[in-house]
């Protein structure tokens, strides 16, 4: 899939200038509830999180093509292996999108692009979603993931890439 196929969004790296849009998303209680984290209302704490986005994981920015505004993120985290070292062949997928831009197909497009273009050396991708986040469950199934586990109020989905 060509990352320029979608006329409205593009998948890029995360830029320092993205912080205001990042903070807006991280402090949104509706988005936080859907994605299973607490809203970050302290701007200094949000700045620390923002600065660490690419430290232990790969972060992709989802942005509008016309304004280059950040509207969502996709994170790829290595699983922790048997020897407590990062396992870059088995990764965890995390993602969220600004509530104002949901239900437009943006995340479907962006995740599909990342799965096709951004997973060099990856064998298995997993994603954990809240049992009440039906839209995210449908998204993962649409992209070829299968449910492999359930614990507490979470569902675990997996996809083999190799």
Protein backbone atom coordinates (compact mmCIF):
# COMPACT_ATOMS: atom_id res chain seq x y z
CA UNK A 1 0.00 0.00 0.00
CA UNK A 2 1.33 3.40 -0.96
CA UNK A 3 1.23 5.72 2.05
CA UNK A 4 0.05 8.48 -0.25
CA UNK A 5 -3.06 6.56 -1.39
CA UNK A 6 -5.24 8.19 1.24
CA UNK A 7 -6.06 11.72 0.15
CA UNK A 8 -6.67 13.03 3.67
CA UNK A 9 -4.01 11.56 5.95
CA UNK A 10 -0.41 10.46 5.90
CA UNK A 11 1.78 8.33 8.16
CA UNK A 12 5.04 10.00 9.16
CA UNK A 13 7.49 10.27 12.00
CA UNK A 14 6.61 12.23 15.13
CA UNK A 15 7.94 15.82 15.22
CA UNK A 16 8.77 18.09 18.17
CA UNK A 17 6.16 20.54 16.88
CA UNK A 18 3.45 17.88 17.41
CA UNK A 19 3.38 18.37 21.18
CA UNK A 20 0.27 20.62 21.39
CA UNK A 21 -1.85 18.10 19.43
CA UNK A 22 -0.31 15.24 21.43
CA UNK A 23 -1.20 16.93 24.73
CA UNK A 24 -4.74 17.53 23.49
CA UNK A 25 -5.16 13.80 22.80
CA UNK A 26 -3.48 12.65 26.01
CA UNK A 27 -5.66 14.89 28.16
CA UNK A 28 -8.92 13.81 26.47
CA UNK A 29 -10.88 11.71 29.01
CA UNK A 30 -13.05 10.08 26.31
CA UNK A 31 -10.03 8.89 24.33
CA UNK A 32 -8.22 7.79 27.49
CA UNK A 33 -11.18 5.68 28.59
CA UNK A 34 -11.36 3.95 25.18
CA UNK A 35 -7.66 3.20 25.13
CA UNK A 36 -7.29 2.13 28.75
CA UNK A 37 -5.13 4.90 30.21
CA UNK A 38 -5.74 7.78 32.56
CA UNK A 39 -5.94 11.25 30.98
CA UNK A 40 -2.73 13.23 31.41
CA UNK A 41 -3.76 16.69 32.56
CA UNK A 42 -0.33 17.83 33.72
CA UNK A 43 1.45 19.41 30.74
CA UNK A 44 4.90 18.72 32.19
CA UNK A 45 4.11 15.01 32.59
CA UNK A 46 2.70 14.95 29.05
CA UNK A 47 5.91 16.56 27.78
CA UNK A 48 7.97 13.82 29.45
CA UNK A 49 5.79 11.14 27.83
CA UNK A 50 6.04 12.89 24.48
CA UNK A 51 9.81 13.09 24.66
CA UNK A 52 10.04 9.37 25.46
CA UNK A 53 7.82 8.26 22.56
CA UNK A 54 10.69 6.86 20.49
CA UNK A 55 12.97 5.74 23.34
CA UNK A 56 11.87 2.11 23.66
CA UNK A 57 9.41 1.86 20.81
CA UNK A 58 8.77 3.05 17.29
CA UNK A 59 6.15 5.78 16.98
CA UNK A 60 4.27 6.63 13.81
CA UNK A 61 2.32 9.87 13.51
CA UNK A 62 -1.04 9.99 11.75
CA UNK A 63 -1.54 13.46 10.38
CA UNK A 64 -3.81 15.41 8.08
CA UNK A 65 -2.15 16.00 4.72
CA UNK A 66 -3.48 19.51 4.18
CA UNK A 67 -2.44 21.00 7.55
CA UNK A 68 0.08 18.36 8.77
CA UNK A 69 -1.80 18.36 12.11
CA UNK A 70 -1.16 15.31 14.30
CA UNK A 71 -4.44 13.42 14.80
CA UNK A 72 -3.24 10.03 16.04
CA UNK A 73 -0.34 7.77 16.97
CA UNK A 74 0.69 4.19 16.40
CA UNK A 75 3.30 2.69 18.72
CA UNK A 76 5.25 -0.52 18.22
CA UNK A 77 6.71 -1.91 21.47
CA UNK A 78 9.02 -4.92 21.62
CA UNK A 79 7.80 -7.77 23.81
CA UNK A 80 10.04 -8.72 26.73
CA UNK A 81 11.81 -12.01 26.01
CA UNK A 82 12.70 -14.91 28.30
CA UNK A 83 15.97 -13.25 29.32
CA UNK A 84 14.16 -9.92 30.01
CA UNK A 85 15.65 -8.40 26.87
CA UNK A 86 13.50 -6.70 24.20
CA UNK A 87 12.23 -9.15 21.57
CA UNK A 88 11.95 -7.14 18.38
CA UNK A 89 10.47 -10.07 16.42
CA UNK A 90 7.40 -10.12 18.69
CA UNK A 91 5.87 -6.71 19.21
CA UNK A 92 2.88 -5.09 20.85
CA UNK A 93 0.82 -2.60 18.88
CA UNK A 94 -0.70 0.45 20.54
CA UNK A 95 -2.73 3.13 18.79
CA UNK A 96 -5.13 5.99 19.35
CA UNK A 97 -6.72 8.79 17.38
CA UNK A 98 -8.17 12.14 18.37
CA UNK A 99 -11.88 11.66 19.09
CA UNK A 100 -12.73 14.37 16.54
CA UNK A 101 -11.21 12.22 13.78
CA UNK A 102 -12.60 8.80 14.64
CA UNK A 103 -14.96 6.80 12.42
CA UNK A 104 -13.39 8.14 9.20
CA UNK A 105 -11.23 5.14 8.28
CA UNK A 106 -8.03 6.96 9.20
CA UNK A 107 -6.83 4.38 11.72
CA UNK A 108 -7.69 1.49 9.39
CA UNK A 109 -5.57 3.04 6.65
CA UNK A 110 -2.69 3.98 8.97
CA UNK A 111 -2.50 0.59 10.72
CA UNK A 112 -2.65 -1.25 7.40
CA UNK A 113 0.21 0.89 6.12
CA UNK A 114 2.30 0.24 9.25
CA UNK A 115 1.62 -3.51 9.09
CA UNK A 116 2.70 -3.60 5.43
CA UNK A 117 5.60 -1.13 5.53
CA UNK A 118 6.84 -0.67 9.07
CA UNK A 119 7.36 -4.16 10.45
CA UNK A 120 10.78 -5.20 9.14
CA UNK A 121 12.02 -8.21 11.09
CA UNK A 122 8.75 -8.66 12.98
CA UNK A 123 7.14 -12.11 13.14
CA UNK A 124 4.17 -11.59 15.48
CA UNK A 125 2.16 -8.47 16.30
CA UNK A 126 -0.19 -8.38 19.29
CA UNK A 127 -2.69 -5.77 20.40
CA UNK A 128 -4.63 -5.62 23.66
CA UNK A 129 -7.98 -3.83 23.74
CA UNK A 130 -10.64 -3.18 26.34
CA UNK A 131 -13.63 -5.53 26.04
CA UNK A 132 -15.89 -2.48 25.67
CA UNK A 133 -13.91 -0.98 22.78
CA UNK A 134 -15.95 -2.63 20.03
CA UNK A 135 -14.66 -0.33 17.28
CA UNK A 136 -11.06 -1.33 18.00
CA UNK A 137 -11.98 -5.01 18.08
CA UNK A 138 -13.65 -4.71 14.66
CA UNK A 139 -10.64 -2.83 13.33
CA UNK A 140 -8.22 -5.57 14.36
CA UNK A 141 -10.41 -8.32 12.91
CA UNK A 142 -10.72 -6.35 9.66
CA UNK A 143 -6.91 -6.17 9.47
CA UNK A 144 -6.51 -9.94 9.88
CA UNK A 145 -5.88 -10.26 13.62
CA UNK A 146 -7.42 -13.10 15.62
CA UNK A 147 -8.36 -13.06 19.29
CA UNK A 148 -5.92 -15.25 21.22
CA UNK A 149 -6.55 -14.43 24.87
CA UNK A 150 -8.81 -12.67 27.37
CA UNK A 151 -7.88 -11.44 30.83
CA UNK A 152 -9.65 -9.09 33.22
CA UNK A 153 -11.48 -6.65 30.93
CA UNK A 154 -9.02 -7.02 28.04
CA UNK A 155 -8.90 -8.97 24.81
CA UNK A 156 -5.61 -9.90 23.16
CA UNK A 157 -5.39 -10.11 19.37
CA UNK A 158 -2.49 -11.46 17.34
CA UNK A 159 -1.30 -11.57 13.74
CA UNK A 160 1.61 -13.52 12.26
CA UNK A 161 3.53 -11.55 9.63
CA UNK A 162 6.03 -14.18 8.46
